[in-house]
Amino acid sequence: MSRYAGLSVSGGHRRFRHFLSASALLASLPLAASGQDAPRSVTLEEAIRLAIEAHPASVQASVQSSAARADRVQARGALLPGVFLSGGYSNSSNQRFDQTTGQLVSENYTAQVQASYELFGGGRRFAELRATGADVRAAEARERAQRFETGLLTTEIFFAAAAASDLLVAAEQRLARAEQQLEFARARLELGTATTSDELRAEIEVGNAELAVVDAQSSLRRSRLQLSRQIGSEEEVTSAAASLPSEAPELPATEDLVQRALRSAPSVLRASRRAIRSTTYASCSRASGS
């Protein structure tokens, strides 16, 4: 009685295993279809460069820096005197006597040059120049911070894609070992040195290994697409194996890291404070001059 029950359970589990195999095959079809065109390999340096050029936050920070520099050029130009040139030409059907040449002429030329300069502005233009200089320093500091942030995020995504590729290899190796164990369990069952439960456990391990392969394939595809979106590529990309380090980089001492952070991080805050103070001073000077 127990023998037939064991065979029934084994047959049901085989059908369940076939269902898992079919599910794994269907889930791997998108990856196999995309695998017809091998993804383009990018190095870490190339990925960071493309991400800085394509990431919206980095582009916005670069535009703000360019706008701040343009405002500074405009503020410098305000220190120069204003020069206006004008000219005119007319041709009349009635001739007139030109006292300069002593001849009758019908054409008339005029030219005029005007120059103006504001002598007393209450220091407004110099204050605006200082304000625009502080804005440039603050914008450049924010741009550097955004470039570092984009580079850090790109590095994390890059290594995540590389790790997903290694995890897929490990999952496939696990599946190969599980299939070998299943064949070994079936051979032992035929020889009478194993039980049906041993074969069932081996089949369950094969099913779990197949699901692990499907999960690893999904994670690899997701990480590659995330890397493609990060660098602004329309095609699927993957991490170049040649650019992966063979060992972890050596970290500096904690004291050096703290000193580096103290020297670098407050620069954005100091530049922002200078911009606010200079802008406030320029507004006050403009109000007093008016």
C-alpha atoms as a PDB file:
ATOM      1  CA  MET A   1       0.000   0.000   0.000  1.00  0.00           C
ATOM      2  CA  SER A   2       2.768   2.378   0.913  1.00  0.00           C
ATOM      3  CA  ARG A   3       4.659   1.468  -2.260  1.00  0.00           C
ATOM      4  CA  TYR A   4       1.789   2.588  -4.517  1.00  0.00           C
ATOM      5  CA  ALA A   5       1.343   5.732  -2.424  1.00  0.00           C
ATOM      6  CA  GLY A   6       5.041   6.521  -2.849  1.00  0.00           C
ATOM      7  CA  LEU A   7       4.800   5.988  -6.588  1.00  0.00           C
ATOM      8  CA  SER A   8       1.740   8.251  -6.763  1.00  0.00           C
ATOM      9  CA  VAL A   9       3.522  10.989  -4.863  1.00  0.00           C
ATOM     10  CA  SER A  10       6.585  10.573  -7.078  1.00  0.00           C
ATOM     11  CA  GLY A  11       4.486  10.824 -10.227  1.00  0.00           C
ATOM     12  CA  GLY A  12       2.733  13.939  -8.921  1.00  0.00           C
ATOM     13  CA  HIS A  13       6.045  15.506  -8.088  1.00  0.00           C
ATOM     14  CA  ARG A  14       7.366  14.707 -11.552  1.00  0.00           C
ATOM     15  CA  ARG A  15       4.394  16.567 -13.023  1.00  0.00           C
ATOM     16  CA  PHE A  16       5.136  19.453 -10.644  1.00  0.00           C
ATOM     17  CA  ARG A  17       8.770  19.403 -11.734  1.00  0.00           C
ATOM     18  CA  HIS A  18       7.725  19.461 -15.400  1.00  0.00           C
ATOM     19  CA  PHE A  19       5.549  22.481 -14.583  1.00  0.00           C
ATOM     20  CA  LEU A  20       8.534  24.201 -12.978  1.00  0.00           C
ATOM     21  CA  SER A  21      10.691  23.413 -15.984  1.00  0.00           C
ATOM     22  CA  ALA A  22       8.084  24.841 -18.357  1.00  0.00           C
ATOM     23  CA  SER A  23       7.757  27.954 -16.181  1.00  0.00           C
ATOM     24  CA  ALA A  24      11.521  28.395 -16.132  1.00  0.00           C
ATOM     25  CA  LEU A  25      11.641  28.034 -19.904  1.00  0.00           C
ATOM     26  CA  LEU A  26       8.908  30.606 -20.428  1.00  0.00           C
ATOM     27  CA  ALA A  27      10.514  33.031 -17.996  1.00  0.00           C
ATOM     28  CA  SER A  28      13.864  32.725 -19.730  1.00  0.00           C
ATOM     29  CA  LEU A  29      12.441  33.392 -23.191  1.00  0.00           C
ATOM     30  CA  PRO A  30      12.741  37.220 -22.989  1.00  0.00           C
ATOM     31  CA  LEU A  31      16.343  36.908 -21.869  1.00  0.00           C
ATOM     32  CA  ALA A  32      17.109  34.413 -24.605  1.00  0.00           C
ATOM     33  CA  ALA A  33      15.445  36.627 -27.193  1.00  0.00           C
ATOM     34  CA  SER A  34      17.482  39.597 -26.096  1.00  0.00           C
ATOM     35  CA  GLY A  35      20.576  37.437 -26.005  1.00  0.00           C
ATOM     36  CA  GLN A  36      20.467  37.177 -29.786  1.00  0.00           C
ATOM     37  CA  ASP A  37      22.080  40.619 -29.818  1.00  0.00           C
ATOM     38  CA  ALA A  38      24.894  40.540 -27.302  1.00  0.00           C
ATOM     39  CA  PRO A  39      24.751  43.519 -24.918  1.00  0.00           C
ATOM     40  CA  ARG A  40      27.410  46.155 -25.359  1.00  0.00           C
ATOM     41  CA  SER A  41      30.155  46.050 -22.750  1.00  0.00           C
ATOM     42  CA  VAL A  42      31.144  49.308 -21.067  1.00  0.00           C
ATOM     43  CA  THR A  43      33.962  50.010 -18.650  1.00  0.00           C
ATOM     44  CA  LEU A  44      33.474  51.770 -15.349  1.00  0.00           C
ATOM     45  CA  GLU A  45      35.174  54.959 -16.576  1.00  0.00           C
ATOM     46  CA  GLU A  46      33.020  55.018 -19.710  1.00  0.00           C
ATOM     47  CA  ALA A  47      29.847  54.404 -17.702  1.00  0.00           C
ATOM     48  CA  ILE A  48      30.627  57.276 -15.314  1.00  0.00           C
ATOM     49  CA  ARG A  49      31.408  59.637 -18.185  1.00  0.00           C
ATOM     50  CA  LEU A  50      28.196  58.775 -20.055  1.00  0.00           C
ATOM     51  CA  ALA A  51      26.137  59.019 -16.863  1.00  0.00           C
ATOM     52  CA  ILE A  52      27.470  62.515 -16.086  1.00  0.00           C
ATOM     53  CA  GLU A  53      26.641  63.596 -19.630  1.00  0.00           C
ATOM     54  CA  ALA A  54      23.134  62.080 -19.613  1.00  0.00           C
ATOM     55  CA  HIS A  55      21.909  62.242 -15.999  1.00  0.00           C
ATOM     56  CA  PRO A  56      19.295  65.026 -15.643  1.00  0.00           C
ATOM     57  CA  ALA A  57      20.651  66.259 -12.301  1.00  0.00           C
ATOM     58  CA  SER A  58      24.207  66.533 -13.648  1.00  0.00           C
ATOM     59  CA  VAL A  59      23.004  68.339 -16.764  1.00  0.00           C
ATOM     60  CA  GLN A  60      20.957  70.737 -14.647  1.00  0.00           C
ATOM     61  CA  ALA A  61      23.934  71.477 -12.398  1.00  0.00           C
ATOM     62  CA  SER A  62      26.115  72.141 -15.443  1.00  0.00           C
ATOM     63  CA  VAL A  63      23.491  74.497 -16.893  1.00  0.00           C
ATOM     64  CA  GLN A  64      23.260  76.381 -13.604  1.00  0.00           C
ATOM     65  CA  SER A  65      27.048  76.802 -13.547  1.00  0.00           C
ATOM     66  CA  SER A  66      27.010  78.146 -17.107  1.00  0.00           C
ATOM     67  CA  ALA A  67      24.198  80.559 -16.229  1.00  0.00           C
ATOM     68  CA  ALA A  68      26.082  81.785 -13.161  1.00  0.00           C
ATOM     69  CA  ARG A  69      29.222  82.407 -15.222  1.00  0.00           C
ATOM     70  CA  ALA A  70      27.154  84.300 -17.808  1.00  0.00           C
ATOM     71  CA  ASP A  71      25.714  86.500 -15.039  1.00  0.00           C
ATOM     72  CA  ARG A  72      29.237  87.230 -13.826  1.00  0.00           C
ATOM     73  CA  VAL A  73      30.303  88.285 -17.336  1.00  0.00           C
ATOM     74  CA  GLN A  74      27.268  90.559 -17.500  1.00  0.00           C
ATOM     75  CA  ALA A  75      28.140  92.078 -14.133  1.00  0.00           C
ATOM     76  CA  ARG A  76      31.705  92.730 -15.320  1.00  0.00           C
ATOM     77  CA  GLY A  77      30.365  94.362 -18.453  1.00  0.00           C
ATOM     78  CA  ALA A  78      28.304  96.732 -16.321  1.00  0.00           C
ATOM     79  CA  LEU A  79      31.570  98.274 -15.067  1.00  0.00           C
ATOM     80  CA  LEU A  80      32.415  99.464 -18.589  1.00  0.00           C
ATOM     81  CA  PRO A  81      31.000 102.709 -20.020  1.00  0.00           C
ATOM     82  CA  GLY A  82      28.072 102.528 -22.390  1.00  0.00           C
ATOM     83  CA  VAL A  83      28.862 103.479 -25.978  1.00  0.00           C
ATOM     84  CA  PHE A  84      26.141 104.056 -28.566  1.00  0.00           C
ATOM     85  CA  LEU A  85      26.773 104.476 -32.304  1.00  0.00           C
ATOM     86  CA  SER A  86      24.205 105.775 -34.765  1.00  0.00           C
ATOM     87  CA  GLY A  87      24.243 106.812 -38.385  1.00  0.00           C
ATOM     88  CA  GLY A  88      21.899 107.978 -41.106  1.00  0.00           C
ATOM     89  CA  TYR A  89      21.674 108.467 -44.840  1.00  0.00           C
ATOM     90  CA  SER A  90      19.204 110.442 -46.953  1.00  0.00           C
ATOM     91  CA  ASN A  91      18.849 111.271 -50.655  1.00  0.00           C
ATOM     92  CA  SER A  92      16.669 114.180 -51.753  1.00  0.00           C
ATOM     93  CA  SER A  93      15.440 115.141 -55.224  1.00  0.00           C
ATOM     94  CA  ASN A  94      16.234 118.811 -54.485  1.00  0.00           C
ATOM     95  CA  GLN A  95      19.885 119.704 -54.400  1.00  0.00           C
ATOM     96  CA  ARG A  96      21.357 121.884 -51.702  1.00  0.00           C
ATOM     97  CA  PHE A  97      24.593 123.771 -51.290  1.00  0.00           C
ATOM     98  CA  ASP A  98      27.194 122.016 -49.137  1.00  0.00           C
ATOM     99  CA  GLN A  99      29.292 124.606 -47.305  1.00  0.00           C
ATOM    100  CA  THR A 100      32.064 122.108 -46.635  1.00  0.00           C
ATOM    101  CA  THR A 101      32.739 121.125 -50.248  1.00  0.00           C
ATOM    102  CA  GLY A 102      31.201 124.140 -51.962  1.00  0.00           C
ATOM    103  CA  GLN A 103      29.125 121.954 -54.255  1.00  0.00           C
ATOM    104  CA  LEU A 104      25.488 121.170 -54.857  1.00  0.00           C
ATOM    105  CA  VAL A 105      24.618 117.773 -53.371  1.00  0.00           C
ATOM    106  CA  SER A 106      21.469 115.723 -52.944  1.00  0.00           C
ATOM    107  CA  GLU A 107      22.767 113.098 -50.477  1.00  0.00           C
ATOM    108  CA  ASN A 108      23.165 113.563 -46.744  1.00  0.00           C
ATOM    109  CA  TYR A 109      25.181 111.426 -44.290  1.00  0.00           C
ATOM    110  CA  THR A 110      25.014 111.627 -40.495  1.00  0.00           C
ATOM    111  CA  ALA A 111      27.012 109.786 -37.813  1.00  0.00           C
ATOM    112  CA  GLN A 112      26.803 110.083 -34.043  1.00  0.00           C
ATOM    113  CA  VAL A 113      28.720 108.556 -31.136  1.00  0.00           C
ATOM    114  CA  GLN A 114      27.465 108.761 -27.524  1.00  0.00           C
ATOM    115  CA  ALA A 115      29.186 107.515 -24.398  1.00  0.00           C
ATOM    116  CA  SER A 116      27.769 107.355 -20.864  1.00  0.00           C
ATOM    117  CA  TYR A 117      29.077 106.170 -17.548  1.00  0.00           C
ATOM    118  CA  GLU A 118      27.460 106.108 -14.128  1.00  0.00           C
ATOM    119  CA  LEU A 119      29.857 107.693 -11.653  1.00  0.00           C
ATOM    120  CA  PHE A 120      27.911 107.351  -8.422  1.00  0.00           C
ATOM    121  CA  GLY A 121      26.022 104.097  -7.950  1.00  0.00           C
ATOM    122  CA  GLY A 122      26.549 103.534  -4.256  1.00  0.00           C
ATOM    123  CA  GLY A 123      28.784 100.529  -4.926  1.00  0.00           C
ATOM    124  CA  ARG A 124      25.875  98.657  -6.490  1.00  0.00           C
ATOM    125  CA  ARG A 125      27.794  97.313  -9.484  1.00  0.00           C
ATOM    126  CA  PHE A 126      30.708  96.119  -7.367  1.00  0.00           C
ATOM    127  CA  ALA A 127      28.286  94.432  -4.992  1.00  0.00           C
ATOM    128  CA  GLU A 128      26.551  92.731  -7.909  1.00  0.00           C
ATOM    129  CA  LEU A 129      29.943  91.620  -9.205  1.00  0.00           C
ATOM    130  CA  ARG A 130      30.785  90.058  -5.840  1.00  0.00           C
ATOM    131  CA  ALA A 131      27.345  88.428  -5.716  1.00  0.00           C
ATOM    132  CA  THR A 132      27.722  86.878  -9.172  1.00  0.00           C
ATOM    133  CA  GLY A 133      31.221  85.644  -8.258  1.00  0.00           C
ATOM    134  CA  ALA A 134      29.831  83.950  -5.163  1.00  0.00           C
ATOM    135  CA  ASP A 135      27.013  82.449  -7.245  1.00  0.00           C
ATOM    136  CA  VAL A 136      29.580  81.001  -9.644  1.00  0.00           C
ATOM    137  CA  ARG A 137      31.548  79.403  -6.821  1.00  0.00           C
ATOM    138  CA  ALA A 138      28.386  77.971  -5.280  1.00  0.00           C
ATOM    139  CA  ALA A 139      27.132  76.647  -8.637  1.00  0.00           C
ATOM    140  CA  GLU A 140      30.505  75.045  -9.407  1.00  0.00           C
ATOM    141  CA  ALA A 141      30.578  73.454  -5.945  1.00  0.00           C
ATOM    142  CA  ARG A 142      27.076  72.038  -6.475  1.00  0.00           C
ATOM    143  CA  GLU A 143      28.116  70.772  -9.897  1.00  0.00           C
ATOM    144  CA  ARG A 144      31.133  68.972  -8.437  1.00  0.00           C
ATOM    145  CA  ALA A 145      28.976  67.471  -5.701  1.00  0.00           C
ATOM    146  CA  GLN A 146      26.428  66.273  -8.263  1.00  0.00           C
ATOM    147  CA  ARG A 147      29.169  64.783 -10.440  1.00  0.00           C
ATOM    148  CA  PHE A 148      30.505  62.828  -7.466  1.00  0.00           C
ATOM    149  CA  GLU A 149      27.000  61.682  -6.535  1.00  0.00           C
ATOM    150  CA  THR A 150      26.267  60.560 -10.088  1.00  0.00           C
ATOM    151  CA  GLY A 151      29.606  58.769 -10.262  1.00  0.00           C
ATOM    152  CA  LEU A 152      28.934  56.968  -6.981  1.00  0.00           C
ATOM    153  CA  LEU A 153      25.463  55.842  -8.079  1.00  0.00           C
ATOM    154  CA  THR A 154      26.797  54.702 -11.452  1.00  0.00           C
ATOM    155  CA  THR A 155      29.571  52.728  -9.760  1.00  0.00           C
ATOM    156  CA  GLU A 156      27.054  50.961  -7.526  1.00  0.00           C
ATOM    157  CA  ILE A 157      24.827  50.073 -10.490  1.00  0.00           C
ATOM    158  CA  PHE A 158      27.866  48.950 -12.501  1.00  0.00           C
ATOM    159  CA  PHE A 159      29.066  46.525  -9.825  1.00  0.00           C
ATOM    160  CA  ALA A 160      25.488  45.360  -9.199  1.00  0.00           C
ATOM    161  CA  ALA A 161      25.258  44.324 -12.853  1.00  0.00           C
ATOM    162  CA  ALA A 162      28.591  42.514 -12.576  1.00  0.00           C
ATOM    163  CA  ALA A 163      27.437  40.758  -9.387  1.00  0.00           C
ATOM    164  CA  ALA A 164      24.177  39.701 -11.064  1.00  0.00           C
ATOM    165  CA  SER A 165      26.164  38.072 -13.862  1.00  0.00           C
ATOM    166  CA  ASP A 166      28.240  36.109 -11.337  1.00  0.00           C
ATOM    167  CA  LEU A 167      25.101  35.088  -9.446  1.00  0.00           C
ATOM    168  CA  LEU A 168      23.630  33.696 -12.644  1.00  0.00           C
ATOM    169  CA  VAL A 169      26.741  31.582 -13.178  1.00  0.00           C
ATOM    170  CA  ALA A 170      26.497  30.315  -9.597  1.00  0.00           C
ATOM    171  CA  ALA A 171      22.790  29.491 -10.045  1.00  0.00           C
ATOM    172  CA  GLU A 172      23.505  27.556 -13.240  1.00  0.00           C
ATOM    173  CA  GLN A 173      26.240  25.623 -11.457  1.00  0.00           C
ATOM    174  CA  ARG A 174      23.811  24.819  -8.662  1.00  0.00           C
ATOM    175  CA  LEU A 175      21.297  23.537 -11.206  1.00  0.00           C
ATOM    176  CA  ALA A 176      23.943  21.333 -12.838  1.00  0.00           C
ATOM    177  CA  ARG A 177      24.883  19.844  -9.457  1.00  0.00           C
ATOM    178  CA  ALA A 178      21.222  19.276  -8.562  1.00  0.00           C
ATOM    179  CA  GLU A 179      20.602  17.439 -11.841  1.00  0.00           C
ATOM    180  CA  GLN A 180      23.648  15.250 -11.212  1.00  0.00           C
ATOM    181  CA  GLN A 181      22.413  14.490  -7.700  1.00  0.00           C
ATOM    182  CA  LEU A 182      19.012  13.576  -9.128  1.00  0.00           C
ATOM    183  CA  GLU A 183      20.550  11.143 -11.591  1.00  0.00           C
ATOM    184  CA  PHE A 184      22.658   9.681  -8.792  1.00  0.00           C
ATOM    185  CA  ALA A 185      19.581   9.293  -6.555  1.00  0.00           C
ATOM    186  CA  ARG A 186      17.646   7.523  -9.319  1.00  0.00           C
ATOM    187  CA  ALA A 187      20.554   5.158  -9.920  1.00  0.00           C
ATOM    188  CA  ARG A 188      20.744   4.362  -6.215  1.00  0.00           C
ATOM    189  CA  LEU A 189      16.970   3.826  -6.134  1.00  0.00           C
ATOM    190  CA  GLU A 190      17.226   1.282  -8.935  1.00  0.00           C
ATOM    191  CA  LEU A 191      20.028  -0.485  -7.068  1.00  0.00           C
ATOM    192  CA  GLY A 192      18.015  -0.476  -3.853  1.00  0.00           C
ATOM    193  CA  THR A 193      20.453   1.630  -1.827  1.00  0.00           C
ATOM    194  CA  ALA A 194      18.132   4.670  -1.659  1.00  0.00           C
ATOM    195  CA  THR A 195      14.486   5.343  -0.963  1.00  0.00           C
ATOM    196  CA  THR A 196      11.816   7.190  -2.875  1.00  0.00           C
ATOM    197  CA  SER A 197      12.115  10.117  -0.476  1.00  0.00           C
ATOM    198  CA  ASP A 198      15.749  10.544  -1.518  1.00  0.00           C
ATOM    199  CA  GLU A 199      14.649  10.870  -5.120  1.00  0.00           C
ATOM    200  CA  LEU A 200      11.886  13.308  -4.119  1.00  0.00           C
ATOM    201  CA  ARG A 201      14.333  15.511  -2.227  1.00  0.00           C
ATOM    202  CA  ALA A 202      16.659  15.503  -5.242  1.00  0.00           C
ATOM    203  CA  GLU A 203      13.790  16.510  -7.537  1.00  0.00           C
ATOM    204  CA  ILE A 204      12.789  19.300  -5.164  1.00  0.00           C
ATOM    205  CA  GLU A 205      16.364  20.590  -5.182  1.00  0.00           C
ATOM    206  CA  VAL A 206      16.326  20.567  -8.991  1.00  0.00           C
ATOM    207  CA  GLY A 207      13.099  22.583  -8.969  1.00  0.00           C
ATOM    208  CA  ASN A 208      14.521  25.062  -6.480  1.00  0.00           C
ATOM    209  CA  ALA A 209      17.689  25.372  -8.560  1.00  0.00           C
ATOM    210  CA  GLU A 210      15.641  26.062 -11.682  1.00  0.00           C
ATOM    211  CA  LEU A 211      13.728  28.795  -9.864  1.00  0.00           C
ATOM    212  CA  ALA A 212      17.039  30.236  -8.666  1.00  0.00           C
ATOM    213  CA  VAL A 213      18.244  30.369 -12.268  1.00  0.00           C
ATOM    214  CA  VAL A 214      15.074  32.193 -13.306  1.00  0.00           C
ATOM    215  CA  ASP A 215      15.497  34.698 -10.469  1.00  0.00           C
ATOM    216  CA  ALA A 216      19.152  35.221 -11.393  1.00  0.00           C
ATOM    217  CA  GLN A 217      18.244  35.797 -15.045  1.00  0.00           C
ATOM    218  CA  SER A 218      15.589  38.317 -14.041  1.00  0.00           C
ATOM    219  CA  SER A 219      17.998  40.130 -11.730  1.00  0.00           C
ATOM    220  CA  LEU A 220      20.664  40.229 -14.447  1.00  0.00           C
ATOM    221  CA  ARG A 221      18.247  41.655 -17.001  1.00  0.00           C
ATOM    222  CA  ARG A 222      16.975  44.234 -14.513  1.00  0.00           C
ATOM    223  CA  SER A 223      20.470  45.337 -13.499  1.00  0.00           C
ATOM    224  CA  ARG A 224      21.569  45.655 -17.139  1.00  0.00           C
ATOM    225  CA  LEU A 225      18.529  47.748 -18.021  1.00  0.00           C
ATOM    226  CA  GLN A 226      19.128  49.917 -14.969  1.00  0.00           C
ATOM    227  CA  LEU A 227      22.723  50.476 -16.076  1.00  0.00           C
ATOM    228  CA  SER A 228      21.497  51.322 -19.576  1.00  0.00           C
ATOM    229  CA  ARG A 229      19.064  53.881 -18.185  1.00  0.00           C
ATOM    230  CA  GLN A 230      21.742  55.376 -15.921  1.00  0.00           C
ATOM    231  CA  ILE A 231      24.131  56.071 -18.807  1.00  0.00           C
ATOM    232  CA  GLY A 232      21.363  57.072 -21.248  1.00  0.00           C
ATOM    233  CA  SER A 233      21.836  54.157 -23.654  1.00  0.00           C
ATOM    234  CA  GLU A 234      18.982  52.902 -25.795  1.00  0.00           C
ATOM    235  CA  GLU A 235      20.541  49.444 -26.098  1.00  0.00           C
ATOM    236  CA  GLU A 236      21.216  46.953 -23.340  1.00  0.00           C
ATOM    237  CA  VAL A 237      24.687  47.221 -21.823  1.00  0.00           C
ATOM    238  CA  THR A 238      26.674  45.117 -19.411  1.00  0.00           C
ATOM    239  CA  SER A 239      29.727  45.553 -17.238  1.00  0.00           C
ATOM    240  CA  ALA A 240      33.014  44.856 -18.961  1.00  0.00           C
ATOM    241  CA  ALA A 241      34.808  42.051 -17.151  1.00  0.00           C
ATOM    242  CA  ALA A 242      38.217  43.594 -17.885  1.00  0.00           C
ATOM    243  CA  SER A 243      37.406  46.715 -15.843  1.00  0.00           C
ATOM    244  CA  LEU A 244      36.434  44.793 -12.708  1.00  0.00           C
ATOM    245  CA  PRO A 245      39.056  44.935  -9.950  1.00  0.00           C
ATOM    246  CA  SER A 246      40.647  41.705  -8.854  1.00  0.00           C
ATOM    247  CA  GLU A 247      40.774  42.828  -5.215  1.00  0.00           C
ATOM    248  CA  ALA A 248      39.190  45.434  -3.012  1.00  0.00           C
ATOM    249  CA  PRO A 249      40.917  48.852  -3.013  1.00  0.00           C
ATOM    250  CA  GLU A 250      42.877  49.849   0.049  1.00  0.00           C
ATOM    251  CA  LEU A 251      41.005  52.393   2.127  1.00  0.00           C
ATOM    252  CA  PRO A 252      42.863  55.282   3.764  1.00  0.00           C
ATOM    253  CA  ALA A 253      42.910  55.736   7.500  1.00  0.00           C
ATOM    254  CA  THR A 254      39.786  56.987   9.231  1.00  0.00           C
ATOM    255  CA  GLU A 255      41.505  60.205  10.294  1.00  0.00           C
ATOM    256  CA  ASP A 256      42.418  60.979   6.682  1.00  0.00           C
ATOM    257  CA  LEU A 257      38.840  60.384   5.579  1.00  0.00           C
ATOM    258  CA  VAL A 258      37.527  62.714   8.281  1.00  0.00           C
ATOM    259  CA  GLN A 259      39.987  65.468   7.345  1.00  0.00           C
ATOM    260  CA  ARG A 260      39.155  65.086   3.660  1.00  0.00           C
ATOM    261  CA  ALA A 261      35.448  65.370   4.391  1.00  0.00           C
ATOM    262  CA  LEU A 262      36.002  68.455   6.530  1.00  0.00           C
ATOM    263  CA  ARG A 263      37.980  70.121   3.764  1.00  0.00           C
ATOM    264  CA  SER A 264      35.567  69.234   0.971  1.00  0.00           C
ATOM    265  CA  ALA A 265      32.034  69.105   2.302  1.00  0.00           C
ATOM    266  CA  PRO A 266      31.752  72.599   3.874  1.00  0.00           C
ATOM    267  CA  SER A 267      32.836  74.302   0.639  1.00  0.00           C
ATOM    268  CA  VAL A 268      29.327  74.150  -0.747  1.00  0.00           C
ATOM    269  CA  LEU A 269      27.881  75.651   2.424  1.00  0.00           C
ATOM    270  CA  ARG A 270      30.476  78.426   2.570  1.00  0.00           C
ATOM    271  CA  ALA A 271      29.975  79.305  -1.090  1.00  0.00           C
ATOM    272  CA  SER A 272      26.213  79.377  -0.601  1.00  0.00           C
ATOM    273  CA  ARG A 273      26.571  81.669   2.422  1.00  0.00           C
ATOM    274  CA  ARG A 274      28.801  84.052   0.488  1.00  0.00           C
ATOM    275  CA  ALA A 275      26.273  84.132  -2.344  1.00  0.00           C
ATOM    276  CA  ILE A 276      23.438  84.945   0.059  1.00  0.00           C
ATOM    277  CA  ARG A 277      25.431  87.686   1.813  1.00  0.00           C
ATOM    278  CA  SER A 278      26.564  89.256  -1.452  1.00  0.00           C
ATOM    279  CA  THR A 279      23.061  89.138  -2.929  1.00  0.00           C
ATOM    280  CA  THR A 280      21.619  90.750   0.209  1.00  0.00           C
ATOM    281  CA  TYR A 281      24.266  93.473   0.118  1.00  0.00           C
ATOM    282  CA  ALA A 282      23.583  94.132  -3.554  1.00  0.00           C
ATOM    283  CA  SER A 283      19.850  94.431  -2.903  1.00  0.00           C
ATOM    284  CA  CYS A 284      20.453  96.880  -0.076  1.00  0.00           C
ATOM    285  CA  SER A 285      22.845  98.929  -2.214  1.00  0.00           C
ATOM    286  CA  ARG A 286      20.351  99.000  -5.079  1.00  0.00           C
ATOM    287  CA  ALA A 287      17.600 100.136  -2.742  1.00  0.00           C
ATOM    288  CA  SER A 288      19.770 102.919  -1.272  1.00  0.00           C
ATOM    289  CA  GLY A 289      20.882 104.065  -4.752  1.00  0.00           C
ATOM    290  CA  SER A 290      17.333 104.325  -5.971  1.00  0.00           C
END
